[in-house]
N, C-alpha and C. Protein backbone atom coordinates (compact mmCIF):
# COMPACT_ATOMS: atom_id res chain seq x y z
N MET A 1 0.85 -1.16 0.00
CA MET A 1 0.00 0.00 0.00
C MET A 1 0.90 1.23 0.00
N THR A 2 0.58 2.16 -0.85
CA THR A 2 1.37 3.39 -0.96
C THR A 2 0.45 4.60 -0.83
N ALA A 3 1.04 5.74 -0.60
CA ALA A 3 0.28 6.98 -0.54
C ALA A 3 -0.39 7.25 -1.89
N GLU A 4 0.29 6.93 -2.96
CA GLU A 4 -0.28 7.14 -4.30
C GLU A 4 -1.53 6.28 -4.50
N TYR A 5 -1.47 5.03 -4.06
CA TYR A 5 -2.64 4.14 -4.15
C TYR A 5 -3.82 4.74 -3.38
N CYS A 6 -3.56 5.22 -2.17
CA CYS A 6 -4.62 5.81 -1.35
C CYS A 6 -5.22 7.04 -2.03
N ARG A 7 -4.39 7.87 -2.62
CA ARG A 7 -4.89 9.05 -3.34
C ARG A 7 -5.74 8.62 -4.53
N THR A 8 -5.31 7.57 -5.24
CA THR A 8 -6.06 7.08 -6.39
C THR A 8 -7.45 6.60 -5.97
N VAL A 9 -7.51 5.83 -4.89
CA VAL A 9 -8.80 5.35 -4.40
C VAL A 9 -9.69 6.54 -4.02
N ARG A 10 -9.12 7.50 -3.31
CA ARG A 10 -9.88 8.70 -2.92
C ARG A 10 -10.40 9.42 -4.16
N ASP A 11 -9.53 9.61 -5.13
CA ASP A 11 -9.91 10.33 -6.35
C ASP A 11 -10.97 9.57 -7.15
N ASN A 12 -10.88 8.23 -7.15
CA ASN A 12 -11.88 7.43 -7.86
C ASN A 12 -13.27 7.61 -7.27
N PHE A 13 -13.34 7.89 -5.96
CA PHE A 13 -14.63 8.16 -5.32
C PHE A 13 -15.03 9.63 -5.47
N GLY A 14 -14.13 10.46 -6.01
CA GLY A 14 -14.43 11.88 -6.14
C GLY A 14 -14.41 12.62 -4.81
N LEU A 15 -13.66 12.09 -3.85
CA LEU A 15 -13.61 12.69 -2.52
C LEU A 15 -12.55 13.78 -2.45
N THR A 16 -12.76 14.74 -1.58
CA THR A 16 -11.78 15.81 -1.40
C THR A 16 -11.19 15.79 0.00
N MET A 17 -11.53 14.78 0.77
CA MET A 17 -11.05 14.69 2.15
C MET A 17 -9.63 14.15 2.20
N PRO A 18 -8.94 14.41 3.29
CA PRO A 18 -7.60 13.83 3.45
C PRO A 18 -7.69 12.31 3.64
N VAL A 19 -6.65 11.62 3.22
CA VAL A 19 -6.54 10.17 3.40
C VAL A 19 -5.27 9.91 4.20
N LEU A 20 -5.40 9.10 5.23
CA LEU A 20 -4.28 8.78 6.10
C LEU A 20 -3.66 7.46 5.69
N LEU A 21 -2.36 7.45 5.51
CA LEU A 21 -1.61 6.21 5.34
C LEU A 21 -0.74 6.08 6.59
N ASP A 22 -1.05 5.13 7.42
CA ASP A 22 -0.42 4.97 8.73
C ASP A 22 0.84 4.13 8.63
N THR A 23 1.91 4.71 8.16
CA THR A 23 3.16 3.95 7.99
C THR A 23 3.79 3.56 9.32
N SER A 24 3.46 4.26 10.40
CA SER A 24 4.01 3.91 11.71
C SER A 24 3.16 2.85 12.42
N ARG A 25 2.01 2.52 11.83
CA ARG A 25 1.11 1.49 12.35
C ARG A 25 0.64 1.79 13.77
N THR A 26 0.30 3.04 14.04
CA THR A 26 -0.21 3.42 15.36
C THR A 26 -1.73 3.55 15.38
N LEU A 27 -2.38 3.61 14.23
CA LEU A 27 -3.83 3.80 14.19
C LEU A 27 -4.63 2.68 14.86
N PRO A 28 -4.29 1.40 14.66
CA PRO A 28 -5.13 0.35 15.26
C PRO A 28 -5.39 0.55 16.76
N ALA A 29 -4.40 0.94 17.50
CA ALA A 29 -4.60 1.16 18.94
C ALA A 29 -5.61 2.27 19.19
N HIS A 30 -5.68 3.25 18.31
CA HIS A 30 -6.61 4.38 18.48
C HIS A 30 -8.04 4.01 18.10
N ILE A 31 -8.21 2.90 17.39
CA ILE A 31 -9.57 2.47 17.02
C ILE A 31 -9.96 1.20 17.78
N GLY A 32 -9.21 0.89 18.84
CA GLY A 32 -9.55 -0.24 19.69
C GLY A 32 -9.17 -1.60 19.15
N GLU A 33 -8.15 -1.65 18.31
CA GLU A 33 -7.71 -2.92 17.73
C GLU A 33 -6.26 -3.20 18.13
N SER A 34 -5.94 -4.47 18.28
CA SER A 34 -4.56 -4.82 18.63
C SER A 34 -3.76 -5.25 17.42
N SER A 35 -4.43 -5.69 16.35
CA SER A 35 -3.74 -6.12 15.14
C SER A 35 -3.25 -4.91 14.36
N VAL A 36 -2.03 -4.99 13.86
CA VAL A 36 -1.50 -3.88 13.06
C VAL A 36 -1.63 -4.16 11.56
N ASN A 37 -2.46 -5.14 11.20
CA ASN A 37 -2.71 -5.38 9.78
C ASN A 37 -3.31 -4.13 9.16
N ASP A 38 -3.33 -4.09 7.84
CA ASP A 38 -3.91 -2.94 7.15
C ASP A 38 -5.40 -2.87 7.40
N TRP A 39 -5.90 -1.67 7.65
CA TRP A 39 -7.30 -1.44 7.98
C TRP A 39 -7.92 -0.43 7.04
N HIS A 40 -9.20 -0.62 6.75
CA HIS A 40 -10.04 0.44 6.19
C HIS A 40 -10.71 1.09 7.39
N VAL A 41 -10.59 2.38 7.51
CA VAL A 41 -11.28 3.10 8.57
C VAL A 41 -11.94 4.31 7.93
N VAL A 42 -13.25 4.46 8.15
CA VAL A 42 -13.99 5.59 7.61
C VAL A 42 -14.51 6.40 8.79
N LEU A 43 -14.21 7.69 8.78
CA LEU A 43 -14.66 8.60 9.83
C LEU A 43 -15.70 9.54 9.26
N ASN A 44 -16.64 9.95 10.10
CA ASN A 44 -17.60 10.96 9.65
C ASN A 44 -17.00 12.35 9.90
N ALA A 45 -17.76 13.39 9.61
CA ALA A 45 -17.25 14.77 9.74
C ALA A 45 -16.88 15.12 11.17
N ASP A 46 -17.47 14.42 12.15
CA ASP A 46 -17.16 14.67 13.56
C ASP A 46 -15.96 13.87 14.05
N GLY A 47 -15.40 13.02 13.18
CA GLY A 47 -14.25 12.21 13.55
C GLY A 47 -14.61 10.89 14.20
N ASP A 48 -15.90 10.54 14.17
CA ASP A 48 -16.34 9.25 14.71
C ASP A 48 -16.06 8.14 13.71
N VAL A 49 -15.61 6.98 14.19
CA VAL A 49 -15.39 5.83 13.33
C VAL A 49 -16.77 5.27 12.94
N VAL A 50 -17.07 5.27 11.65
CA VAL A 50 -18.34 4.73 11.18
C VAL A 50 -18.16 3.38 10.48
N HIS A 51 -16.93 3.03 10.20
CA HIS A 51 -16.62 1.73 9.60
C HIS A 51 -15.16 1.41 9.86
N LYS A 52 -14.90 0.15 10.22
CA LYS A 52 -13.51 -0.33 10.29
C LYS A 52 -13.51 -1.80 9.95
N ALA A 53 -12.55 -2.21 9.17
CA ALA A 53 -12.41 -3.61 8.79
C ALA A 53 -10.98 -3.83 8.31
N LYS A 54 -10.51 -5.05 8.46
CA LYS A 54 -9.19 -5.36 7.91
C LYS A 54 -9.24 -5.18 6.41
N TYR A 55 -8.16 -4.70 5.84
CA TYR A 55 -8.10 -4.32 4.43
C TYR A 55 -8.63 -5.40 3.50
N ALA A 56 -8.18 -6.63 3.68
CA ALA A 56 -8.55 -7.69 2.74
C ALA A 56 -10.04 -7.99 2.75
N SER A 57 -10.71 -7.75 3.88
CA SER A 57 -12.12 -8.12 3.97
C SER A 57 -13.07 -6.93 3.97
N GLY A 58 -12.53 -5.71 3.97
CA GLY A 58 -13.41 -4.58 4.22
C GLY A 58 -13.69 -3.63 3.08
N ALA A 59 -13.25 -3.94 1.88
CA ALA A 59 -13.39 -2.98 0.78
C ALA A 59 -14.84 -2.62 0.50
N SER A 60 -15.72 -3.61 0.42
CA SER A 60 -17.11 -3.29 0.09
C SER A 60 -17.79 -2.55 1.24
N GLY A 61 -17.45 -2.90 2.47
CA GLY A 61 -18.01 -2.20 3.62
C GLY A 61 -17.55 -0.76 3.68
N ALA A 62 -16.29 -0.52 3.36
CA ALA A 62 -15.76 0.85 3.34
C ALA A 62 -16.46 1.66 2.27
N ALA A 63 -16.64 1.07 1.10
CA ALA A 63 -17.33 1.78 0.02
C ALA A 63 -18.76 2.11 0.42
N SER A 64 -19.44 1.17 1.06
CA SER A 64 -20.81 1.42 1.51
C SER A 64 -20.87 2.54 2.54
N ALA A 65 -19.91 2.53 3.48
CA ALA A 65 -19.88 3.57 4.51
C ALA A 65 -19.62 4.94 3.89
N ILE A 66 -18.71 5.00 2.93
CA ILE A 66 -18.42 6.28 2.26
C ILE A 66 -19.65 6.75 1.49
N ASN A 67 -20.29 5.85 0.76
CA ASN A 67 -21.49 6.23 0.00
C ASN A 67 -22.61 6.71 0.92
N ALA A 68 -22.77 6.07 2.08
CA ALA A 68 -23.79 6.49 3.03
C ALA A 68 -23.51 7.90 3.56
N LEU A 69 -22.24 8.21 3.82
CA LEU A 69 -21.89 9.53 4.31
C LEU A 69 -22.10 10.61 3.26
N LEU A 70 -21.95 10.22 1.99
CA LEU A 70 -22.08 11.19 0.89
C LEU A 70 -23.51 11.35 0.40
N ALA A 71 -24.39 10.46 0.83
CA ALA A 71 -25.78 10.51 0.36
C ALA A 71 -26.45 11.81 0.83
N PRO A 72 -27.26 12.39 -0.04
CA PRO A 72 -27.93 13.65 0.35
C PRO A 72 -28.95 13.45 1.45
């Protein structure tokens, strides 16, 4: 996973929000997880976690969470 890949995914969704690439692997502890595997984490505008899943299993859930947040 690279920063460029993350930007591409963001751009494919047409999003303008920042995307975090946690190269130091400190995010899992902040979302209540002990595994440092790659995670999809979607936050709402208030910074609340609205979706989290391990990368390999969470792509469709992350997309659904993003679409729900963007819905009018």
